[in-house]
N, C-alpha and C. Protein backbone atom coordinates (compact mmCIF):
# COMPACT_ATOMS: atom_id res chain seq x y z
N MET A 1 179.17 -35.22 -75.53
CA MET A 1 179.29 -36.65 -75.32
C MET A 1 180.07 -36.88 -74.03
N ALA A 2 179.61 -37.80 -73.24
CA ALA A 2 180.26 -38.13 -71.97
C ALA A 2 181.54 -38.93 -72.24
N HIS A 3 182.51 -38.74 -71.36
CA HIS A 3 183.74 -39.52 -71.46
C HIS A 3 183.45 -40.94 -70.99
N VAL A 4 183.87 -41.91 -71.77
CA VAL A 4 183.64 -43.31 -71.42
C VAL A 4 184.94 -44.02 -71.08
N ASN A 5 186.07 -43.33 -71.23
CA ASN A 5 187.35 -43.93 -70.89
C ASN A 5 187.55 -43.91 -69.38
N THR A 6 188.29 -44.90 -68.87
CA THR A 6 188.60 -44.97 -67.45
C THR A 6 190.04 -44.51 -67.25
N VAL A 7 190.23 -43.44 -66.50
CA VAL A 7 191.57 -42.95 -66.22
C VAL A 7 192.23 -43.86 -65.21
N LEU A 8 193.41 -44.37 -65.56
CA LEU A 8 194.15 -45.28 -64.70
C LEU A 8 195.24 -44.56 -63.92
N ARG A 9 195.74 -43.49 -64.49
CA ARG A 9 196.82 -42.75 -63.84
C ARG A 9 196.82 -41.33 -64.39
N SER A 10 197.08 -40.37 -63.52
CA SER A 10 197.16 -38.97 -63.92
C SER A 10 198.35 -38.36 -63.20
N VAL A 11 199.22 -37.70 -63.96
CA VAL A 11 200.42 -37.09 -63.40
C VAL A 11 200.43 -35.62 -63.77
N ASN A 12 200.57 -34.77 -62.75
CA ASN A 12 200.64 -33.32 -62.95
C ASN A 12 202.09 -32.86 -63.02
N ALA A 13 202.33 -31.89 -63.88
CA ALA A 13 203.63 -31.22 -63.92
C ALA A 13 203.69 -30.25 -62.75
N PRO A 14 204.89 -29.85 -62.34
CA PRO A 14 204.99 -28.82 -61.30
C PRO A 14 204.19 -27.58 -61.73
N GLY A 15 203.48 -27.02 -60.79
CA GLY A 15 202.64 -25.87 -61.09
C GLY A 15 201.21 -26.26 -61.41
N ALA A 16 200.98 -27.53 -61.65
CA ALA A 16 199.64 -28.08 -61.89
C ALA A 16 198.89 -27.40 -63.03
N THR A 17 199.61 -26.98 -64.07
CA THR A 17 198.93 -26.45 -65.25
C THR A 17 198.97 -27.42 -66.42
N LEU A 18 199.75 -28.50 -66.29
CA LEU A 18 199.82 -29.56 -67.29
C LEU A 18 199.64 -30.90 -66.61
N CYS A 19 199.00 -31.83 -67.30
CA CYS A 19 198.90 -33.19 -66.77
C CYS A 19 198.81 -34.17 -67.93
N VAL A 20 199.13 -35.41 -67.63
CA VAL A 20 198.97 -36.50 -68.59
C VAL A 20 198.09 -37.55 -67.93
N ASP A 21 197.06 -37.97 -68.64
CA ASP A 21 196.19 -39.05 -68.18
C ASP A 21 196.45 -40.29 -69.02
N LEU A 22 196.60 -41.41 -68.35
CA LEU A 22 196.67 -42.72 -68.98
C LEU A 22 195.30 -43.35 -68.81
N PHE A 23 194.71 -43.88 -69.86
CA PHE A 23 193.35 -44.39 -69.75
C PHE A 23 193.14 -45.70 -70.49
N ARG A 24 192.06 -46.39 -70.09
CA ARG A 24 191.62 -47.62 -70.76
C ARG A 24 190.29 -47.31 -71.43
N ARG A 25 190.17 -47.72 -72.67
CA ARG A 25 188.92 -47.53 -73.42
C ARG A 25 187.98 -48.70 -73.15
N PRO A 26 186.70 -48.54 -73.44
CA PRO A 26 185.74 -49.64 -73.26
C PRO A 26 186.10 -50.90 -74.05
N ASP A 27 186.82 -50.74 -75.19
CA ASP A 27 187.19 -51.92 -75.98
C ASP A 27 188.41 -52.65 -75.44
N GLY A 28 188.98 -52.14 -74.32
CA GLY A 28 190.13 -52.78 -73.70
C GLY A 28 191.48 -52.24 -74.15
N SER A 29 191.48 -51.36 -75.12
CA SER A 29 192.75 -50.75 -75.55
C SER A 29 193.10 -49.60 -74.60
N PHE A 30 194.30 -49.08 -74.76
CA PHE A 30 194.80 -48.04 -73.87
C PHE A 30 195.26 -46.83 -74.66
N GLY A 31 195.33 -45.70 -73.98
CA GLY A 31 195.80 -44.48 -74.60
C GLY A 31 196.21 -43.48 -73.54
N PHE A 32 196.63 -42.32 -74.01
CA PHE A 32 197.00 -41.24 -73.10
C PHE A 32 196.71 -39.90 -73.75
N GLU A 33 196.63 -38.88 -72.92
CA GLU A 33 196.45 -37.52 -73.42
C GLU A 33 197.14 -36.54 -72.49
N GLU A 34 197.65 -35.46 -73.08
CA GLU A 34 198.23 -34.36 -72.31
C GLU A 34 197.20 -33.24 -72.26
N PHE A 35 197.01 -32.69 -71.07
CA PHE A 35 196.04 -31.62 -70.85
C PHE A 35 196.72 -30.40 -70.26
N ARG A 36 196.06 -29.26 -70.43
CA ARG A 36 196.54 -28.00 -69.86
C ARG A 36 195.33 -27.28 -69.24
N ARG A 37 195.63 -26.51 -68.21
CA ARG A 37 194.63 -25.59 -67.68
C ARG A 37 195.34 -24.30 -67.32
N ASP A 38 194.65 -23.21 -67.53
CA ASP A 38 195.18 -21.90 -67.20
C ASP A 38 194.36 -21.35 -66.05
N PRO A 39 195.01 -20.90 -64.99
CA PRO A 39 194.27 -20.43 -63.80
C PRO A 39 193.24 -19.34 -64.11
N GLU A 40 193.53 -18.50 -65.09
CA GLU A 40 192.60 -17.41 -65.41
C GLU A 40 191.44 -17.86 -66.31
N ASP A 41 191.46 -19.09 -66.78
CA ASP A 41 190.44 -19.62 -67.67
C ASP A 41 189.54 -20.58 -66.90
N VAL A 42 188.28 -20.23 -66.73
CA VAL A 42 187.36 -21.03 -65.92
C VAL A 42 186.87 -22.30 -66.63
N ARG A 43 187.25 -22.51 -67.87
CA ARG A 43 186.79 -23.70 -68.60
C ARG A 43 187.45 -24.98 -68.12
N GLY A 44 188.56 -24.89 -67.42
CA GLY A 44 189.21 -26.08 -66.88
C GLY A 44 190.22 -26.68 -67.84
N TRP A 45 190.40 -28.00 -67.72
CA TRP A 45 191.40 -28.72 -68.49
C TRP A 45 190.97 -28.87 -69.95
N TYR A 46 191.94 -28.79 -70.86
CA TYR A 46 191.68 -29.04 -72.27
C TYR A 46 192.89 -29.76 -72.88
N ALA A 47 192.61 -30.60 -73.87
CA ALA A 47 193.67 -31.40 -74.50
C ALA A 47 194.59 -30.49 -75.30
N VAL A 48 195.90 -30.73 -75.14
CA VAL A 48 196.89 -29.98 -75.92
C VAL A 48 197.81 -30.89 -76.71
N GLY A 49 197.90 -32.14 -76.33
CA GLY A 49 198.82 -33.05 -77.00
C GLY A 49 198.23 -33.74 -78.20
N HIS A 50 196.92 -33.93 -78.17
CA HIS A 50 196.20 -34.61 -79.24
C HIS A 50 196.76 -36.01 -79.51
N TYR A 51 197.04 -36.71 -78.41
CA TYR A 51 197.55 -38.08 -78.48
C TYR A 51 196.45 -39.12 -78.27
N SER A 52 195.27 -38.70 -77.89
CA SER A 52 194.24 -39.65 -77.45
C SER A 52 193.77 -40.62 -78.53
N GLY A 53 194.01 -40.32 -79.79
CA GLY A 53 193.61 -41.22 -80.86
C GLY A 53 194.53 -42.41 -81.05
N ALA A 54 195.73 -42.33 -80.49
CA ALA A 54 196.68 -43.44 -80.62
C ALA A 54 196.20 -44.61 -79.76
N VAL A 55 196.26 -45.81 -80.31
CA VAL A 55 195.75 -47.01 -79.63
C VAL A 55 196.91 -47.92 -79.27
N PHE A 56 196.93 -48.38 -78.02
CA PHE A 56 198.00 -49.25 -77.53
C PHE A 56 197.39 -50.52 -76.95
N PRO A 57 198.07 -51.65 -77.12
CA PRO A 57 197.52 -52.93 -76.65
C PRO A 57 197.64 -53.15 -75.16
N SER A 58 198.49 -52.34 -74.49
CA SER A 58 198.69 -52.54 -73.05
C SER A 58 198.89 -51.20 -72.36
N GLN A 59 198.68 -51.23 -71.06
CA GLN A 59 198.91 -50.05 -70.23
C GLN A 59 200.38 -49.65 -70.29
N VAL A 60 201.26 -50.63 -70.23
CA VAL A 60 202.70 -50.37 -70.27
C VAL A 60 203.09 -49.70 -71.59
N ALA A 61 202.57 -50.19 -72.70
CA ALA A 61 202.90 -49.61 -74.01
C ALA A 61 202.42 -48.16 -74.10
N ALA A 62 201.23 -47.88 -73.60
CA ALA A 62 200.71 -46.51 -73.61
C ALA A 62 201.54 -45.61 -72.72
N TRP A 63 201.91 -46.09 -71.55
CA TRP A 63 202.69 -45.28 -70.61
C TRP A 63 204.09 -45.02 -71.16
N ASP A 64 204.71 -46.01 -71.78
CA ASP A 64 206.02 -45.81 -72.40
C ASP A 64 205.94 -44.77 -73.52
N ALA A 65 204.89 -44.83 -74.32
CA ALA A 65 204.72 -43.87 -75.41
C ALA A 65 204.49 -42.46 -74.85
N ALA A 66 203.73 -42.36 -73.79
CA ALA A 66 203.49 -41.04 -73.17
C ALA A 66 204.81 -40.43 -72.72
N GLN A 67 205.64 -41.22 -72.08
CA GLN A 67 206.93 -40.71 -71.61
C GLN A 67 207.84 -40.31 -72.78
N ALA A 68 207.73 -41.03 -73.88
CA ALA A 68 208.54 -40.71 -75.06
C ALA A 68 208.05 -39.45 -75.76
N GLN A 69 206.75 -39.19 -75.73
CA GLN A 69 206.17 -38.07 -76.46
C GLN A 69 206.10 -36.77 -75.65
N VAL A 70 205.94 -36.88 -74.33
CA VAL A 70 205.74 -35.70 -73.48
C VAL A 70 207.01 -35.50 -72.66
N ALA A 71 207.82 -34.54 -73.07
CA ALA A 71 209.15 -34.36 -72.47
C ALA A 71 209.12 -34.18 -70.96
N TRP A 72 208.23 -33.34 -70.46
CA TRP A 72 208.22 -33.07 -69.02
C TRP A 72 207.80 -34.30 -68.23
N LEU A 73 207.00 -35.18 -68.81
CA LEU A 73 206.54 -36.37 -68.10
C LEU A 73 207.70 -37.30 -67.77
N ALA A 74 208.59 -37.51 -68.71
CA ALA A 74 209.74 -38.38 -68.47
C ALA A 74 210.58 -37.85 -67.32
N GLU A 75 210.73 -36.54 -67.23
CA GLU A 75 211.49 -35.94 -66.13
C GLU A 75 210.80 -36.16 -64.79
N ILE A 76 209.48 -36.01 -64.75
CA ILE A 76 208.71 -36.21 -63.52
C ILE A 76 208.81 -37.66 -63.07
N ILE A 77 208.66 -38.58 -64.00
CA ILE A 77 208.70 -40.01 -63.67
C ILE A 77 210.07 -40.39 -63.14
N ALA A 78 211.12 -39.83 -63.70
CA ALA A 78 212.48 -40.12 -63.23
C ALA A 78 212.66 -39.67 -61.78
N GLU A 79 211.98 -38.58 -61.42
CA GLU A 79 212.08 -38.05 -60.06
C GLU A 79 211.20 -38.81 -59.07
N ARG A 80 210.11 -39.41 -59.56
CA ARG A 80 209.15 -40.12 -58.70
C ARG A 80 209.02 -41.55 -59.19
N PRO A 81 209.72 -42.49 -58.58
CA PRO A 81 209.61 -43.88 -59.02
C PRO A 81 208.18 -44.40 -58.93
N ASP A 82 207.83 -45.27 -59.85
CA ASP A 82 206.51 -45.90 -59.88
C ASP A 82 206.38 -46.85 -58.69
N PRO A 83 205.40 -46.63 -57.79
CA PRO A 83 205.26 -47.51 -56.63
C PRO A 83 204.98 -48.96 -57.00
N GLU A 84 204.36 -49.18 -58.15
CA GLU A 84 204.08 -50.56 -58.58
C GLU A 84 205.37 -51.31 -58.91
N LYS A 85 206.36 -50.58 -59.45
CA LYS A 85 207.61 -51.22 -59.83
C LYS A 85 208.58 -51.39 -58.67
N THR A 86 208.32 -50.68 -57.55
CA THR A 86 209.25 -50.76 -56.42
C THR A 86 208.68 -51.58 -55.26
N LYS A 87 207.50 -52.16 -55.42
CA LYS A 87 206.92 -52.99 -54.36
C LYS A 87 207.86 -54.16 -54.04
N GLY A 88 208.09 -54.36 -52.77
CA GLY A 88 208.92 -55.46 -52.34
C GLY A 88 210.40 -55.23 -52.49
N ALA A 89 210.77 -54.05 -52.98
CA ALA A 89 212.18 -53.76 -53.19
C ALA A 89 212.84 -53.18 -51.94
N GLU A 90 212.05 -52.92 -50.89
CA GLU A 90 212.63 -52.32 -49.69
C GLU A 90 213.61 -53.25 -49.03
């Protein structure tokens, strides 16, 4: 089955073997998933968090939940401020 969700944001962990995707479903709800890839495995990315079934009413709610559930993501976000939240703050 083809993926029908639209990825809105994807953040890689250092080393690029883990990532979290924030997505919007066709019904307008939001979700996220944690993925892993191993360099020696040619199959590519595969889900490891099994969070994609959780449904959120907003992008912000999904992103907040992702940061709460995926420990390394919160650390990455703290190091890299969200450009959307810092616009006009210069």
